[in-house]
Amino acid sequence: MRAEEYTIPQIRQAATNIRKRILGLTLERGGCYLGQACSSAEVISALYMGILRLGPSLGSRDALPFPGVPGPDNMDYPKGSLYHGAREADKDRFFVSPAHYASVIYCALAECGRISPAAIDKFNVDGWNMEMIGAEHSPGFECTAGSLGQTISMAAGTAHARKLRGDTGKVYVLLSDGEIQEGQVWEAFQAASFYRLGNLVVYVDVNFQQLEGWTKDVMNTEPLDERLRAFGCAAVTVDGHDTAALIEAAATPHPDKPLVVLCHTDAAHGIPLLAKRKPFLHFVRVGEDELAAFQAFWAAM
């Protein structure tokens, strides 16, 4: 059973709160990964507040100073996985692959009480652990993602080890659709299928765009559902802004197969002022000519 119980309206409100907070950071700090907040706020809120079985956070409620990793002989710094609780056999693990979604992870942790909202004041401030690009010392991050596409391999290896041990907890992964162009992702899916990792669940933010433009124009990966099934996975497609559907998808039967939930999303969802910028919403800056309109929208959210 989950330690906390949230209603669907509460989870929806958390997603709105996440977008508002990150829009505020965008206006205040000169830019942020706002499009990712628009597309993934419901997905990440649903995971933390409606799907994941995590123990109480062991991380600091406050932001922590982080001058940098000194070297291999001194790795005794607080890990981001502490915010997901103790690594117990019956608890889930959550791996975040797109490290530039860090602001959404931090805000979601604040929404479910795992960090203080005041900690986000240190977002992207030098010398603190609330970095714009998350790493293993950042709240909510189990690992340093490195190049996009690598985390799914680490998560699948963890799921394999947990299966061998007999752990009942699952391993969840957040992916973005652009990184599915990486060959390593498909190798990981192939291995996860071969080793019958029914304890692996992957949620993909399919917002159909990436740094260079529409994914279909850069390197098309559709139809993702058919390709994933061909690799031996169970795959379902949902509206990534439908909280109830996101939670229900986690219960999809997938005996001895990894489950992939394809969440179709909109990188301007909740902030229609961004719509005219599609598909170039990888990193958002607001110019002087738009500032008043965005500030007024933020105040009304």
C-alpha atoms as a PDB file:
ATOM      1  CA  MET A   1       0.000   0.000   0.000  1.00  0.00           C
ATOM      2  CA  ARG A   2       1.094   3.583  -0.587  1.00  0.00           C
ATOM      3  CA  ALA A   3       2.148   5.564   2.481  1.00  0.00           C
ATOM      4  CA  GLU A   4      -0.015   8.507   1.399  1.00  0.00           C
ATOM      5  CA  GLU A   5      -3.271   8.649  -0.476  1.00  0.00           C
ATOM      6  CA  TYR A   6      -4.034  11.500  -2.851  1.00  0.00           C
ATOM      7  CA  THR A   7      -7.239  12.127  -4.775  1.00  0.00           C
ATOM      8  CA  ILE A   8      -7.312  12.675  -8.518  1.00  0.00           C
ATOM      9  CA  PRO A   9      -8.217  16.382  -8.034  1.00  0.00           C
ATOM     10  CA  GLN A  10      -5.253  16.791  -5.673  1.00  0.00           C
ATOM     11  CA  ILE A  11      -2.878  15.265  -8.202  1.00  0.00           C
ATOM     12  CA  ARG A  12      -4.278  17.461 -10.970  1.00  0.00           C
ATOM     13  CA  GLN A  13      -3.812  20.526  -8.791  1.00  0.00           C
ATOM     14  CA  ALA A  14      -0.240  19.464  -8.067  1.00  0.00           C
ATOM     15  CA  ALA A  15       0.444  19.414 -11.822  1.00  0.00           C
ATOM     16  CA  THR A  16      -0.945  22.937 -12.168  1.00  0.00           C
ATOM     17  CA  ASN A  17       1.171  24.068  -9.226  1.00  0.00           C
ATOM     18  CA  ILE A  18       4.266  22.573 -10.860  1.00  0.00           C
ATOM     19  CA  ARG A  19       3.676  24.478 -14.089  1.00  0.00           C
ATOM     20  CA  LYS A  20       3.087  27.731 -12.241  1.00  0.00           C
ATOM     21  CA  ARG A  21       6.223  27.348 -10.147  1.00  0.00           C
ATOM     22  CA  ILE A  22       8.386  26.555 -13.171  1.00  0.00           C
ATOM     23  CA  LEU A  23       6.893  29.406 -15.191  1.00  0.00           C
ATOM     24  CA  GLY A  24       7.843  31.623 -12.254  1.00  0.00           C
ATOM     25  CA  LEU A  25      11.401  30.265 -12.357  1.00  0.00           C
ATOM     26  CA  THR A  26      11.519  30.885 -16.106  1.00  0.00           C
ATOM     27  CA  LEU A  27      10.537  34.530 -15.652  1.00  0.00           C
ATOM     28  CA  GLU A  28      12.777  35.064 -12.637  1.00  0.00           C
ATOM     29  CA  ARG A  29      15.936  33.238 -13.750  1.00  0.00           C
ATOM     30  CA  GLY A  30      16.008  34.122 -17.433  1.00  0.00           C
ATOM     31  CA  GLY A  31      14.876  30.749 -18.753  1.00  0.00           C
ATOM     32  CA  CYS A  32      14.066  27.153 -17.869  1.00  0.00           C
ATOM     33  CA  TYR A  33      12.898  23.843 -19.332  1.00  0.00           C
ATOM     34  CA  LEU A  34       9.311  25.042 -19.279  1.00  0.00           C
ATOM     35  CA  GLY A  35       8.054  22.945 -22.191  1.00  0.00           C
ATOM     36  CA  GLN A  36       9.000  19.787 -20.295  1.00  0.00           C
ATOM     37  CA  ALA A  37       7.021  21.028 -17.293  1.00  0.00           C
ATOM     38  CA  CYS A  38       3.989  21.564 -19.502  1.00  0.00           C
ATOM     39  CA  SER A  39       4.227  18.102 -21.034  1.00  0.00           C
ATOM     40  CA  SER A  40       5.198  16.010 -18.009  1.00  0.00           C
ATOM     41  CA  ALA A  41       3.582  17.644 -14.960  1.00  0.00           C
ATOM     42  CA  GLU A  42       0.679  15.189 -14.846  1.00  0.00           C
ATOM     43  CA  VAL A  43       2.905  12.208 -15.616  1.00  0.00           C
ATOM     44  CA  ILE A  44       5.356  12.946 -12.799  1.00  0.00           C
ATOM     45  CA  SER A  45       2.639  13.992 -10.345  1.00  0.00           C
ATOM     46  CA  ALA A  46       0.755  10.763 -11.052  1.00  0.00           C
ATOM     47  CA  LEU A  47       3.897   8.717 -10.498  1.00  0.00           C
ATOM     48  CA  TYR A  48       4.807  10.308  -7.175  1.00  0.00           C
ATOM     49  CA  MET A  49       1.290  10.743  -5.817  1.00  0.00           C
ATOM     50  CA  GLY A  50      -0.688   7.884  -7.334  1.00  0.00           C
ATOM     51  CA  ILE A  51       1.578   5.063  -8.502  1.00  0.00           C
ATOM     52  CA  LEU A  52       4.960   4.715  -6.799  1.00  0.00           C
ATOM     53  CA  ARG A  53       5.219   2.815  -3.526  1.00  0.00           C
ATOM     54  CA  LEU A  54       7.986   4.643  -1.715  1.00  0.00           C
ATOM     55  CA  GLY A  55       9.024   4.768   1.901  1.00  0.00           C
ATOM     56  CA  PRO A  56       9.322   8.054   3.799  1.00  0.00           C
ATOM     57  CA  SER A  57      11.969  10.399   2.414  1.00  0.00           C
ATOM     58  CA  LEU A  58      15.400  10.170   4.010  1.00  0.00           C
ATOM     59  CA  GLY A  59      16.628  13.326   2.291  1.00  0.00           C
ATOM     60  CA  SER A  60      16.993  16.804   3.698  1.00  0.00           C
ATOM     61  CA  ARG A  61      13.904  18.979   3.435  1.00  0.00           C
ATOM     62  CA  ASP A  62      16.194  21.911   2.737  1.00  0.00           C
ATOM     63  CA  ALA A  63      18.499  22.481  -0.200  1.00  0.00           C
ATOM     64  CA  LEU A  64      22.037  21.315   0.516  1.00  0.00           C
ATOM     65  CA  PRO A  65      25.377  22.903  -0.374  1.00  0.00           C
ATOM     66  CA  PHE A  66      27.193  20.913  -3.046  1.00  0.00           C
ATOM     67  CA  PRO A  67      30.616  22.221  -4.085  1.00  0.00           C
ATOM     68  CA  GLY A  68      31.191  19.289  -6.443  1.00  0.00           C
ATOM     69  CA  VAL A  69      32.290  15.669  -6.330  1.00  0.00           C
ATOM     70  CA  PRO A  70      35.905  15.726  -5.048  1.00  0.00           C
ATOM     71  CA  GLY A  71      36.934  12.376  -6.489  1.00  0.00           C
ATOM     72  CA  PRO A  72      36.477   8.595  -6.375  1.00  0.00           C
ATOM     73  CA  ASP A  73      37.849   8.366  -2.827  1.00  0.00           C
ATOM     74  CA  ASN A  74      35.300  10.785  -1.415  1.00  0.00           C
ATOM     75  CA  MET A  75      31.826   9.890  -2.600  1.00  0.00           C
ATOM     76  CA  ASP A  76      30.156  10.296   0.778  1.00  0.00           C
ATOM     77  CA  TYR A  77      27.677  13.007  -0.199  1.00  0.00           C
ATOM     78  CA  PRO A  78      23.861  12.811   0.118  1.00  0.00           C
ATOM     79  CA  LYS A  79      22.384  10.941  -2.841  1.00  0.00           C
ATOM     80  CA  GLY A  80      19.233  11.974  -4.663  1.00  0.00           C
ATOM     81  CA  SER A  81      17.747   8.523  -4.106  1.00  0.00           C
ATOM     82  CA  LEU A  82      17.345   9.336  -0.404  1.00  0.00           C
ATOM     83  CA  TYR A  83      14.249  11.345  -1.309  1.00  0.00           C
ATOM     84  CA  HIS A  84      12.607   8.093  -2.440  1.00  0.00           C
ATOM     85  CA  GLY A  85      13.098   6.431   0.945  1.00  0.00           C
ATOM     86  CA  ALA A  86      14.984   3.321   1.986  1.00  0.00           C
ATOM     87  CA  ARG A  87      15.772   0.673  -0.624  1.00  0.00           C
ATOM     88  CA  GLU A  88      13.504  -2.020   0.741  1.00  0.00           C
ATOM     89  CA  ALA A  89      12.465  -5.196  -1.064  1.00  0.00           C
ATOM     90  CA  ASP A  90       8.789  -4.285  -1.185  1.00  0.00           C
ATOM     91  CA  LYS A  91       9.308  -0.656  -2.234  1.00  0.00           C
ATOM     92  CA  ASP A  92       9.611   0.716  -5.752  1.00  0.00           C
ATOM     93  CA  ARG A  93      12.602   2.451  -7.341  1.00  0.00           C
ATOM     94  CA  PHE A  94      12.247   5.425  -9.695  1.00  0.00           C
ATOM     95  CA  PHE A  95      14.879   6.348 -12.293  1.00  0.00           C
ATOM     96  CA  VAL A  96      14.714   9.670 -14.147  1.00  0.00           C
ATOM     97  CA  SER A  97      16.391   9.522 -17.550  1.00  0.00           C
ATOM     98  CA  PRO A  98      15.899  13.042 -19.009  1.00  0.00           C
ATOM     99  CA  ALA A  99      18.022  14.969 -16.496  1.00  0.00           C
ATOM    100  CA  HIS A 100      16.778  18.309 -17.836  1.00  0.00           C
ATOM    101  CA  TYR A 101      13.371  17.497 -16.294  1.00  0.00           C
ATOM    102  CA  ALA A 102      14.969  18.192 -12.898  1.00  0.00           C
ATOM    103  CA  SER A 103      12.824  21.235 -12.120  1.00  0.00           C
ATOM    104  CA  VAL A 104       9.678  19.121 -12.528  1.00  0.00           C
ATOM    105  CA  ILE A 105      11.075  16.435 -10.227  1.00  0.00           C
ATOM    106  CA  TYR A 106      11.958  18.982  -7.519  1.00  0.00           C
ATOM    107  CA  CYS A 107       8.551  20.629  -7.702  1.00  0.00           C
ATOM    108  CA  ALA A 108       6.786  17.260  -7.574  1.00  0.00           C
ATOM    109  CA  LEU A 109       8.818  16.312  -4.493  1.00  0.00           C
ATOM    110  CA  ALA A 110       7.674  19.564  -2.901  1.00  0.00           C
ATOM    111  CA  GLU A 111       4.043  18.872  -3.810  1.00  0.00           C
ATOM    112  CA  CYS A 112       4.104  15.538  -1.977  1.00  0.00           C
ATOM    113  CA  GLY A 113       6.060  16.808   1.010  1.00  0.00           C
ATOM    114  CA  ARG A 114       9.425  15.176   0.309  1.00  0.00           C
ATOM    115  CA  ILE A 115      11.280  18.485   0.210  1.00  0.00           C
ATOM    116  CA  SER A 116      10.416  21.976   1.367  1.00  0.00           C
ATOM    117  CA  PRO A 117       9.005  24.342  -1.277  1.00  0.00           C
ATOM    118  CA  ALA A 118      11.614  26.811  -0.015  1.00  0.00           C
ATOM    119  CA  ALA A 119      14.364  24.468  -1.255  1.00  0.00           C
ATOM    120  CA  ILE A 120      13.420  25.363  -4.826  1.00  0.00           C
ATOM    121  CA  ASP A 121      14.665  28.902  -4.161  1.00  0.00           C
ATOM    122  CA  LYS A 122      18.137  27.391  -4.644  1.00  0.00           C
ATOM    123  CA  PHE A 123      17.228  26.007  -8.069  1.00  0.00           C
ATOM    124  CA  ASN A 124      20.156  26.453 -10.476  1.00  0.00           C
ATOM    125  CA  VAL A 125      22.138  28.420  -7.897  1.00  0.00           C
ATOM    126  CA  ASP A 126      25.845  27.606  -7.989  1.00  0.00           C
ATOM    127  CA  GLY A 127      27.064  25.549  -5.048  1.00  0.00           C
ATOM    128  CA  TRP A 128      23.725  23.877  -4.260  1.00  0.00           C
ATOM    129  CA  ASN A 129      22.252  20.482  -5.070  1.00  0.00           C
ATOM    130  CA  MET A 130      19.141  21.835  -6.872  1.00  0.00           C
ATOM    131  CA  GLU A 131      20.778  21.832 -10.284  1.00  0.00           C
ATOM    132  CA  MET A 132      19.011  22.546 -13.552  1.00  0.00           C
ATOM    133  CA  ILE A 133      20.412  19.314 -15.014  1.00  0.00           C
ATOM    134  CA  GLY A 134      19.933  16.648 -12.359  1.00  0.00           C
ATOM    135  CA  ALA A 135      22.605  14.169 -11.292  1.00  0.00           C
ATOM    136  CA  GLU A 136      22.886  11.500  -8.589  1.00  0.00           C
ATOM    137  CA  HIS A 137      23.278  14.138  -5.848  1.00  0.00           C
ATOM    138  CA  SER A 138      20.126  15.991  -6.970  1.00  0.00           C
ATOM    139  CA  PRO A 139      16.846  15.324  -5.113  1.00  0.00           C
ATOM    140  CA  GLY A 140      14.904  12.523  -6.783  1.00  0.00           C
ATOM    141  CA  PHE A 141      17.720  11.264  -9.022  1.00  0.00           C
ATOM    142  CA  GLU A 142      18.905   7.681  -8.582  1.00  0.00           C
ATOM    143  CA  CYS A 143      21.790   8.105 -11.019  1.00  0.00           C
ATOM    144  CA  THR A 144      23.646  10.506 -13.236  1.00  0.00           C
ATOM    145  CA  ALA A 145      22.064  10.076 -16.644  1.00  0.00           C
ATOM    146  CA  GLY A 146      25.096  11.074 -18.674  1.00  0.00           C
ATOM    147  CA  SER A 147      24.112  11.007 -22.338  1.00  0.00           C
ATOM    148  CA  LEU A 148      20.388  10.682 -22.862  1.00  0.00           C
ATOM    149  CA  GLY A 149      19.337   7.068 -23.279  1.00  0.00           C
ATOM    150  CA  GLN A 150      21.691   5.512 -20.734  1.00  0.00           C
ATOM    151  CA  THR A 151      19.416   5.393 -17.690  1.00  0.00           C
ATOM    152  CA  ILE A 152      17.070   2.730 -19.064  1.00  0.00           C
ATOM    153  CA  SER A 153      20.013   0.292 -19.075  1.00  0.00           C
ATOM    154  CA  MET A 154      20.825   1.024 -15.425  1.00  0.00           C
ATOM    155  CA  ALA A 155      17.181   0.681 -14.474  1.00  0.00           C
ATOM    156  CA  ALA A 156      16.780  -2.581 -16.370  1.00  0.00           C
ATOM    157  CA  GLY A 157      19.889  -3.982 -14.676  1.00  0.00           C
ATOM    158  CA  THR A 158      18.445  -2.994 -11.318  1.00  0.00           C
ATOM    159  CA  ALA A 159      15.149  -4.683 -12.205  1.00  0.00           C
ATOM    160  CA  HIS A 160      17.004  -7.843 -13.198  1.00  0.00           C
ATOM    161  CA  ALA A 161      18.908  -7.906  -9.892  1.00  0.00           C
ATOM    162  CA  ARG A 162      15.704  -7.324  -7.936  1.00  0.00           C
ATOM    163  CA  LYS A 163      13.973 -10.143  -9.785  1.00  0.00           C
ATOM    164  CA  LEU A 164      16.831 -12.508  -8.968  1.00  0.00           C
ATOM    165  CA  ARG A 165      16.618 -11.513  -5.295  1.00  0.00           C
ATOM    166  CA  GLY A 166      12.869 -11.973  -5.212  1.00  0.00           C
ATOM    167  CA  ASP A 167      12.062  -8.337  -4.398  1.00  0.00           C
ATOM    168  CA  THR A 168       8.396  -7.490  -4.838  1.00  0.00           C
ATOM    169  CA  GLY A 169       8.985  -3.795  -5.510  1.00  0.00           C
ATOM    170  CA  LYS A 170       9.045  -2.588  -9.104  1.00  0.00           C
ATOM    171  CA  VAL A 171      11.456  -0.372 -11.002  1.00  0.00           C
ATOM    172  CA  TYR A 172       9.905   2.643 -12.726  1.00  0.00           C
ATOM    173  CA  VAL A 173      11.632   4.773 -15.349  1.00  0.00           C
ATOM    174  CA  LEU A 174      10.801   8.152 -16.871  1.00  0.00           C
ATOM    175  CA  LEU A 175      11.929   8.510 -20.499  1.00  0.00           C
ATOM    176  CA  SER A 176      11.436  11.243 -23.069  1.00  0.00           C
ATOM    177  CA  ASP A 177      10.551  10.387 -26.645  1.00  0.00           C
ATOM    178  CA  GLY A 178      13.523  12.145 -28.253  1.00  0.00           C
ATOM    179  CA  GLU A 179      16.025   9.919 -26.478  1.00  0.00           C
ATOM    180  CA  ILE A 180      14.293   6.820 -27.823  1.00  0.00           C
ATOM    181  CA  GLN A 181      16.213   7.550 -31.005  1.00  0.00           C
ATOM    182  CA  GLU A 182      19.301   6.234 -29.166  1.00  0.00           C
ATOM    183  CA  GLY A 183      20.251   2.654 -30.020  1.00  0.00           C
ATOM    184  CA  GLN A 184      21.060   1.860 -26.385  1.00  0.00           C
ATOM    185  CA  VAL A 185      17.396   2.322 -25.478  1.00  0.00           C
ATOM    186  CA  TRP A 186      16.375  -0.451 -27.869  1.00  0.00           C
ATOM    187  CA  GLU A 187      19.149  -2.725 -26.620  1.00  0.00           C
ATOM    188  CA  ALA A 188      17.803  -2.204 -23.098  1.00  0.00           C
ATOM    189  CA  PHE A 189      14.243  -3.014 -24.156  1.00  0.00           C
ATOM    190  CA  GLN A 190      15.482  -6.117 -25.956  1.00  0.00           C
ATOM    191  CA  ALA A 191      17.392  -7.291 -22.869  1.00  0.00           C
ATOM    192  CA  ALA A 192      14.486  -6.478 -20.528  1.00  0.00           C
ATOM    193  CA  SER A 193      12.201  -8.573 -22.699  1.00  0.00           C
ATOM    194  CA  PHE A 194      14.687 -11.439 -22.962  1.00  0.00           C
ATOM    195  CA  TYR A 195      15.115 -11.590 -19.177  1.00  0.00           C
ATOM    196  CA  ARG A 196      11.335 -11.372 -18.709  1.00  0.00           C
ATOM    197  CA  LEU A 197      11.457  -8.306 -16.500  1.00  0.00           C
ATOM    198  CA  GLY A 198       7.831  -7.958 -15.571  1.00  0.00           C
ATOM    199  CA  ASN A 199       8.957  -5.720 -12.695  1.00  0.00           C
ATOM    200  CA  LEU A 200      10.088  -2.938 -15.066  1.00  0.00           C
ATOM    201  CA  VAL A 201       7.638  -0.127 -15.924  1.00  0.00           C
ATOM    202  CA  VAL A 202       8.598   2.736 -18.232  1.00  0.00           C
ATOM    203  CA  TYR A 203       6.625   5.967 -18.630  1.00  0.00           C
ATOM    204  CA  VAL A 204       7.525   7.918 -21.774  1.00  0.00           C
ATOM    205  CA  ASP A 205       6.756  11.609 -22.207  1.00  0.00           C
ATOM    206  CA  VAL A 206       5.794  11.565 -25.878  1.00  0.00           C
ATOM    207  CA  ASN A 207       5.555  15.285 -26.652  1.00  0.00           C
ATOM    208  CA  PHE A 208       6.698  14.714 -30.257  1.00  0.00           C
ATOM    209  CA  GLN A 209       9.468  17.307 -30.168  1.00  0.00           C
ATOM    210  CA  GLN A 210      13.125  17.695 -29.227  1.00  0.00           C
ATOM    211  CA  LEU A 211      15.890  20.285 -29.389  1.00  0.00           C
ATOM    212  CA  GLU A 212      16.079  20.339 -33.183  1.00  0.00           C
ATOM    213  CA  GLY A 213      12.318  20.294 -33.869  1.00  0.00           C
ATOM    214  CA  TRP A 214       9.639  17.643 -34.352  1.00  0.00           C
ATOM    215  CA  THR A 215      10.909  14.130 -33.620  1.00  0.00           C
ATOM    216  CA  LYS A 216       9.294  12.863 -36.806  1.00  0.00           C
ATOM    217  CA  ASP A 217      11.538  15.187 -38.806  1.00  0.00           C
ATOM    218  CA  VAL A 218      14.764  14.571 -36.864  1.00  0.00           C
ATOM    219  CA  MET A 219      14.538  10.772 -36.606  1.00  0.00           C
ATOM    220  CA  ASN A 220      11.089   9.259 -36.671  1.00  0.00           C
ATOM    221  CA  THR A 221      10.450   6.479 -34.131  1.00  0.00           C
ATOM    222  CA  GLU A 222       6.745   5.959 -34.709  1.00  0.00           C
ATOM    223  CA  PRO A 223       4.748   3.780 -34.422  1.00  0.00           C
ATOM    224  CA  LEU A 224       6.306   3.382 -30.983  1.00  0.00           C
ATOM    225  CA  ASP A 225       3.659   1.025 -29.628  1.00  0.00           C
ATOM    226  CA  GLU A 226       4.104  -1.467 -32.474  1.00  0.00           C
ATOM    227  CA  ARG A 227       7.896  -1.288 -32.326  1.00  0.00           C
ATOM    228  CA  LEU A 228       7.932  -1.869 -28.574  1.00  0.00           C
ATOM    229  CA  ARG A 229       5.651  -4.875 -28.895  1.00  0.00           C
ATOM    230  CA  ALA A 230       7.948  -6.228 -31.605  1.00  0.00           C
ATOM    231  CA  PHE A 231      10.774  -6.005 -29.048  1.00  0.00           C
ATOM    232  CA  GLY A 232       8.732  -8.074 -26.612  1.00  0.00           C
ATOM    233  CA  CYS A 233       7.322  -5.325 -24.380  1.00  0.00           C
ATOM    234  CA  ALA A 234       3.754  -4.666 -23.364  1.00  0.00           C
ATOM    235  CA  ALA A 235       2.813  -1.176 -24.552  1.00  0.00           C
ATOM    236  CA  VAL A 236      -0.188   1.047 -23.899  1.00  0.00           C
ATOM    237  CA  THR A 237      -0.904   4.588 -25.070  1.00  0.00           C
ATOM    238  CA  VAL A 238      -2.662   7.151 -22.891  1.00  0.00           C
ATOM    239  CA  ASP A 239      -3.454  10.845 -22.795  1.00  0.00           C
ATOM    240  CA  GLY A 240      -0.512  12.113 -20.763  1.00  0.00           C
ATOM    241  CA  HIS A 241      -2.623  14.869 -19.224  1.00  0.00           C
ATOM    242  CA  ASP A 242      -5.355  12.493 -17.999  1.00  0.00           C
ATOM    243  CA  THR A 243      -4.353  11.747 -14.417  1.00  0.00           C
ATOM    244  CA  ALA A 244      -6.769   8.872 -13.924  1.00  0.00           C
ATOM    245  CA  ALA A 245      -5.656   7.194 -17.169  1.00  0.00           C
ATOM    246  CA  LEU A 246      -1.999   7.545 -16.185  1.00  0.00           C
ATOM    247  CA  ILE A 247      -2.623   5.792 -12.879  1.00  0.00           C
ATOM    248  CA  GLU A 248      -4.810   3.086 -14.408  1.00  0.00           C
ATOM    249  CA  ALA A 249      -2.131   2.327 -17.010  1.00  0.00           C
ATOM    250  CA  ALA A 250       0.266   1.174 -14.273  1.00  0.00           C
ATOM    251  CA  ALA A 251      -2.168  -1.658 -13.506  1.00  0.00           C
ATOM    252  CA  THR A 252      -2.058  -3.009 -17.071  1.00  0.00           C
ATOM    253  CA  PRO A 253      -1.346  -6.771 -16.913  1.00  0.00           C
ATOM    254  CA  HIS A 254       2.129  -7.531 -18.284  1.00  0.00           C
ATOM    255  CA  PRO A 255       3.236 -10.904 -16.937  1.00  0.00           C
ATOM    256  CA  ASP A 256       6.954 -11.464 -17.541  1.00  0.00           C
ATOM    257  CA  LYS A 257       7.150  -8.459 -19.871  1.00  0.00           C
ATOM    258  CA  PRO A 258       8.354  -4.909 -19.286  1.00  0.00           C
ATOM    259  CA  LEU A 259       5.475  -2.445 -19.498  1.00  0.00           C
ATOM    260  CA  VAL A 260       5.859   0.792 -21.457  1.00  0.00           C
ATOM    261  CA  VAL A 261       3.245   3.528 -21.012  1.00  0.00           C
ATOM    262  CA  LEU A 262       3.350   5.980 -23.905  1.00  0.00           C
ATOM    263  CA  CYS A 263       2.022   9.299 -22.601  1.00  0.00           C
ATOM    264  CA  HIS A 264       0.960  11.561 -25.457  1.00  0.00           C
ATOM    265  CA  THR A 265       1.479  15.110 -24.241  1.00  0.00           C
ATOM    266  CA  ASP A 266       1.572  18.734 -25.341  1.00  0.00           C
ATOM    267  CA  ALA A 267       4.622  20.892 -24.544  1.00  0.00           C
ATOM    268  CA  ALA A 268       2.364  23.947 -24.285  1.00  0.00           C
ATOM    269  CA  HIS A 269      -0.318  22.304 -22.138  1.00  0.00           C
ATOM    270  CA  GLY A 270      -1.570  24.670 -19.454  1.00  0.00           C
ATOM    271  CA  ILE A 271       0.362  27.642 -20.883  1.00  0.00           C
ATOM    272  CA  PRO A 272      -1.207  28.406 -24.277  1.00  0.00           C
ATOM    273  CA  LEU A 273       1.101  31.393 -24.763  1.00  0.00           C
ATOM    274  CA  LEU A 274       3.768  28.843 -25.702  1.00  0.00           C
ATOM    275  CA  ALA A 275       1.784  27.248 -28.530  1.00  0.00           C
ATOM    276  CA  LYS A 276       3.107  29.547 -31.246  1.00  0.00           C
ATOM    277  CA  ARG A 277       6.692  28.444 -30.450  1.00  0.00           C
ATOM    278  CA  LYS A 278       6.153  24.775 -31.282  1.00  0.00           C
ATOM    279  CA  PRO A 279       8.162  22.685 -31.859  1.00  0.00           C
ATOM    280  CA  PHE A 280      11.026  24.751 -30.414  1.00  0.00           C
ATOM    281  CA  LEU A 281      10.248  24.464 -26.716  1.00  0.00           C
ATOM    282  CA  HIS A 282      13.303  22.582 -25.489  1.00  0.00           C
ATOM    283  CA  PHE A 283      14.471  25.574 -23.416  1.00  0.00           C
ATOM    284  CA  VAL A 284      12.266  28.627 -22.980  1.00  0.00           C
ATOM    285  CA  ARG A 285      13.302  32.229 -22.543  1.00  0.00           C
ATOM    286  CA  VAL A 286      10.736  35.029 -22.396  1.00  0.00           C
ATOM    287  CA  GLY A 287      11.673  38.200 -24.272  1.00  0.00           C
ATOM    288  CA  GLU A 288      10.876  41.747 -23.222  1.00  0.00           C
ATOM    289  CA  ASP A 289       8.105  41.938 -25.808  1.00  0.00           C
ATOM    290  CA  GLU A 290       6.320  38.966 -24.204  1.00  0.00           C
ATOM    291  CA  LEU A 291       7.161  39.539 -20.552  1.00  0.00           C
ATOM    292  CA  ALA A 292       4.021  41.437 -19.535  1.00  0.00           C
ATOM    293  CA  ALA A 293       1.725  38.816 -21.093  1.00  0.00           C
ATOM    294  CA  PHE A 294       3.545  35.934 -19.392  1.00  0.00           C
ATOM    295  CA  GLN A 295       3.629  37.732 -16.038  1.00  0.00           C
ATOM    296  CA  ALA A 296      -0.113  38.383 -16.228  1.00  0.00           C
ATOM    297  CA  PHE A 297      -0.768  34.752 -17.124  1.00  0.00           C
ATOM    298  CA  TRP A 298       1.406  33.550 -14.226  1.00  0.00           C
ATOM    299  CA  ALA A 299      -0.457  35.772 -11.766  1.00  0.00           C
ATOM    300  CA  ALA A 300      -3.811  34.365 -12.937  1.00  0.00           C
ATOM    301  CA  MET A 301      -2.830  30.684 -12.761  1.00  0.00           C
END
